[in-house]
C-alpha atoms as a PDB file:
ATOM      1  CA  GLN A   1       0.000   0.000   0.000  1.00  0.00           C
ATOM      2  CA  VAL A   2       1.367   3.364  -1.017  1.00  0.00           C
ATOM      3  CA  GLN A   3       0.754   6.207   1.418  1.00  0.00           C
ATOM      4  CA  LEU A   4       0.240   9.743   0.194  1.00  0.00           C
ATOM      5  CA  ILE A   5       0.792  12.655   2.554  1.00  0.00           C
ATOM      6  CA  GLU A   6      -1.180  15.793   1.806  1.00  0.00           C
ATOM      7  CA  SER A   7      -0.610  19.201   3.336  1.00  0.00           C
ATOM      8  CA  GLY A   8      -1.263  22.874   2.730  1.00  0.00           C
ATOM      9  CA  GLY A   9      -4.992  23.136   3.261  1.00  0.00           C
ATOM     10  CA  GLY A  10      -6.484  25.756   5.525  1.00  0.00           C
ATOM     11  CA  SER A  11      -8.577  28.888   5.633  1.00  0.00           C
ATOM     12  CA  VAL A  12      -8.171  31.932   3.448  1.00  0.00           C
ATOM     13  CA  GLN A  13     -10.223  34.929   2.381  1.00  0.00           C
ATOM     14  CA  ALA A  14     -11.667  35.203  -1.098  1.00  0.00           C
ATOM     15  CA  GLY A  15      -9.003  36.288  -3.560  1.00  0.00           C
ATOM     16  CA  GLY A  16      -6.279  34.661  -1.532  1.00  0.00           C
ATOM     17  CA  SER A  17      -3.976  31.764  -2.348  1.00  0.00           C
ATOM     18  CA  LEU A  18      -3.057  28.359  -0.987  1.00  0.00           C
ATOM     19  CA  ASN A  19      -0.494  25.794  -2.055  1.00  0.00           C
ATOM     20  CA  LEU A  20      -1.366  22.139  -1.569  1.00  0.00           C
ATOM     21  CA  SER A  21       1.284  19.434  -1.520  1.00  0.00           C
ATOM     22  CA  CYS A  22       1.075  15.673  -1.962  1.00  0.00           C
ATOM     23  CA  GLU A  23       4.052  13.406  -1.405  1.00  0.00           C
ATOM     24  CA  VAL A  24       4.448   9.679  -1.830  1.00  0.00           C
ATOM     25  CA  ALA A  25       5.613   8.744   1.653  1.00  0.00           C
ATOM     26  CA  GLU A  26       7.862   5.828   0.959  1.00  0.00           C
ATOM     27  CA  ARG A  27      10.698   5.193  -1.402  1.00  0.00           C
ATOM     28  CA  ILE A  28       9.474   4.023  -4.764  1.00  0.00           C
ATOM     29  CA  PHE A  29      11.323   2.081  -7.429  1.00  0.00           C
ATOM     30  CA  HIS A  30       9.086   2.768 -10.379  1.00  0.00           C
ATOM     31  CA  PRO A  31       8.189   6.131 -11.877  1.00  0.00           C
ATOM     32  CA  ILE A  32       4.811   7.615 -11.052  1.00  0.00           C
ATOM     33  CA  SER A  33       2.712   7.772 -14.193  1.00  0.00           C
ATOM     34  CA  ILE A  34       0.226  10.458 -13.189  1.00  0.00           C
ATOM     35  CA  MET A  35      -0.325  12.678 -10.145  1.00  0.00           C
ATOM     36  CA  GLY A  36      -3.494  14.669  -9.831  1.00  0.00           C
ATOM     37  CA  TRP A  37      -5.929  16.564  -7.660  1.00  0.00           C
ATOM     38  CA  TYR A  38      -9.644  16.135  -7.146  1.00  0.00           C
ATOM     39  CA  ARG A  39     -12.265  17.899  -5.067  1.00  0.00           C
ATOM     40  CA  GLN A  40     -15.288  16.444  -3.369  1.00  0.00           C
ATOM     41  CA  PRO A  41     -18.223  18.661  -2.481  1.00  0.00           C
ATOM     42  CA  PRO A  42     -20.443  17.316   0.328  1.00  0.00           C
ATOM     43  CA  GLY A  43     -22.742  14.567  -0.904  1.00  0.00           C
ATOM     44  CA  LYS A  44     -21.211  14.502  -4.376  1.00  0.00           C
ATOM     45  CA  GLU A  45     -18.702  12.466  -6.351  1.00  0.00           C
ATOM     46  CA  ARG A  46     -15.078  13.482  -6.542  1.00  0.00           C
ATOM     47  CA  GLU A  47     -14.410  15.906  -9.368  1.00  0.00           C
ATOM     48  CA  PHE A  48     -11.274  16.266 -11.420  1.00  0.00           C
ATOM     49  CA  ILE A  49      -9.261  19.456 -10.942  1.00  0.00           C
ATOM     50  CA  ALA A  50      -5.861  18.898 -12.521  1.00  0.00           C
ATOM     51  CA  ASN A  51      -3.233  16.299 -13.260  1.00  0.00           C
ATOM     52  CA  ILE A  52       0.343  16.099 -14.419  1.00  0.00           C
ATOM     53  CA  ILE A  53       1.859  13.308 -16.451  1.00  0.00           C
ATOM     54  CA  SER A  54       5.364  12.088 -15.665  1.00  0.00           C
ATOM     55  CA  ALA A  55       6.672  13.684 -18.849  1.00  0.00           C
ATOM     56  CA  GLY A  56       5.372  17.022 -17.604  1.00  0.00           C
ATOM     57  CA  SER A  57       2.193  17.671 -19.553  1.00  0.00           C
ATOM     58  CA  THR A  58      -0.727  19.013 -17.553  1.00  0.00           C
ATOM     59  CA  ASN A  59      -4.517  19.010 -17.729  1.00  0.00           C
ATOM     60  CA  TYR A  60      -6.983  21.265 -15.924  1.00  0.00           C
ATOM     61  CA  ALA A  61     -10.697  21.463 -15.351  1.00  0.00           C
ATOM     62  CA  ALA A  62     -12.176  24.468 -17.103  1.00  0.00           C
ATOM     63  CA  SER A  63     -13.257  25.998 -13.805  1.00  0.00           C
ATOM     64  CA  VAL A  64      -9.694  26.331 -12.506  1.00  0.00           C
ATOM     65  CA  LYS A  65      -7.706  26.990 -15.666  1.00  0.00           C
ATOM     66  CA  GLY A  66      -5.669  30.139 -15.284  1.00  0.00           C
ATOM     67  CA  ARG A  67      -6.061  30.193 -11.495  1.00  0.00           C
ATOM     68  CA  PHE A  68      -4.585  26.847 -10.407  1.00  0.00           C
ATOM     69  CA  THR A  69      -1.179  25.444 -11.356  1.00  0.00           C
ATOM     70  CA  ILE A  70      -0.088  21.859 -10.839  1.00  0.00           C
ATOM     71  CA  SER A  71       3.603  21.027 -10.608  1.00  0.00           C
ATOM     72  CA  LEU A  72       5.797  17.995 -10.126  1.00  0.00           C
ATOM     73  CA  LEU A  73       8.805  18.516  -7.912  1.00  0.00           C
ATOM     74  CA  ILE A  74      12.232  17.394  -8.992  1.00  0.00           C
ATOM     75  CA  ASN A  75      12.093  14.392  -6.651  1.00  0.00           C
ATOM     76  CA  LYS A  76       9.340  13.060  -8.957  1.00  0.00           C
ATOM     77  CA  ARG A  77       7.190  11.926  -6.047  1.00  0.00           C
ATOM     78  CA  THR A  78       5.693  15.205  -4.887  1.00  0.00           C
ATOM     79  CA  THR A  79       3.056  17.252  -6.624  1.00  0.00           C
ATOM     80  CA  THR A  80       1.866  20.700  -5.654  1.00  0.00           C
ATOM     81  CA  LEU A  81      -1.277  22.614  -6.532  1.00  0.00           C
ATOM     82  CA  GLN A  82      -0.923  26.378  -6.392  1.00  0.00           C
ATOM     83  CA  MET A  83      -4.384  27.854  -6.049  1.00  0.00           C
ATOM     84  CA  ASN A  84      -4.806  31.583  -6.697  1.00  0.00           C
ATOM     85  CA  SER A  85      -7.818  33.887  -6.742  1.00  0.00           C
ATOM     86  CA  LEU A  86      -9.739  31.521  -4.517  1.00  0.00           C
ATOM     87  CA  LYS A  87     -13.502  31.813  -4.315  1.00  0.00           C
ATOM     88  CA  PRO A  88     -15.946  30.697  -1.624  1.00  0.00           C
ATOM     89  CA  GLU A  89     -17.141  27.939  -3.952  1.00  0.00           C
ATOM     90  CA  ASN A  90     -13.632  26.457  -3.775  1.00  0.00           C
ATOM     91  CA  THR A  91     -14.448  25.458  -0.190  1.00  0.00           C
ATOM     92  CA  VAL A  92     -14.240  21.667  -0.255  1.00  0.00           C
ATOM     93  CA  VAL A  93     -11.947  18.772   0.604  1.00  0.00           C
ATOM     94  CA  TYR A  94      -9.154  18.273  -1.912  1.00  0.00           C
ATOM     95  CA  TYR A  95      -7.697  14.843  -2.627  1.00  0.00           C
ATOM     96  CA  CYS A  96      -4.482  13.794  -4.281  1.00  0.00           C
ATOM     97  CA  LYS A  97      -4.524  10.780  -6.608  1.00  0.00           C
ATOM     98  CA  VAL A  98      -1.529   8.896  -7.945  1.00  0.00           C
ATOM     99  CA  LEU A  99      -1.175   6.234 -10.629  1.00  0.00           C
ATOM    100  CA  LEU A 100       1.770   3.994  -9.787  1.00  0.00           C
ATOM    101  CA  ASN A 101       2.431   0.505 -11.157  1.00  0.00           C
ATOM    102  CA  ASP A 102      -1.031   0.383 -12.719  1.00  0.00           C
ATOM    103  CA  ASP A 103      -2.712   1.030  -9.357  1.00  0.00           C
ATOM    104  CA  TYR A 104      -4.433   4.190  -8.147  1.00  0.00           C
ATOM    105  CA  TYR A 105      -3.869   5.581  -4.667  1.00  0.00           C
ATOM    106  CA  TRP A 106      -5.651   8.393  -2.856  1.00  0.00           C
ATOM    107  CA  GLY A 107      -4.475  10.807  -0.216  1.00  0.00           C
ATOM    108  CA  GLN A 108      -6.424  11.391   2.991  1.00  0.00           C
ATOM    109  CA  GLY A 109      -7.810  14.720   1.828  1.00  0.00           C
ATOM    110  CA  THR A 110      -7.143  18.258   2.971  1.00  0.00           C
ATOM    111  CA  GLN A 111      -9.814  20.852   3.742  1.00  0.00           C
ATOM    112  CA  VAL A 112      -9.767  24.224   2.033  1.00  0.00           C
ATOM    113  CA  THR A 113     -12.089  26.923   3.345  1.00  0.00           C
ATOM    114  CA  VAL A 114     -12.524  30.230   1.522  1.00  0.00           C
ATOM    115  CA  SER A 115     -14.464  32.946   3.283  1.00  0.00           C
ATOM    116  CA  SER A 116     -16.160  35.845   1.534  1.00  0.00           C
END
């Protein structure tokens, strides 16, 4: 079982910024194929926000394009999500998802709260 450690959530006022981080906790011997971020509003399914492929290409949901930036750190096992111009509707739990060795793994989730 691969453990993902998320951090960086918290409270911020509308228009502010947060930077989420997700790290694969243990040493890995195979490259991570994809690292991504999802959000889950209460009572709803998880929704795609952004992902980054190991080669560096990125994909974003239309609602966050231009405001959020996903990156892969040089250690190749940590992804960050820089979130700018946050809005109250961005208040949800954010989850990291990793594809490694043909298996998907989820982080524990980190709460982001944006006040108006």
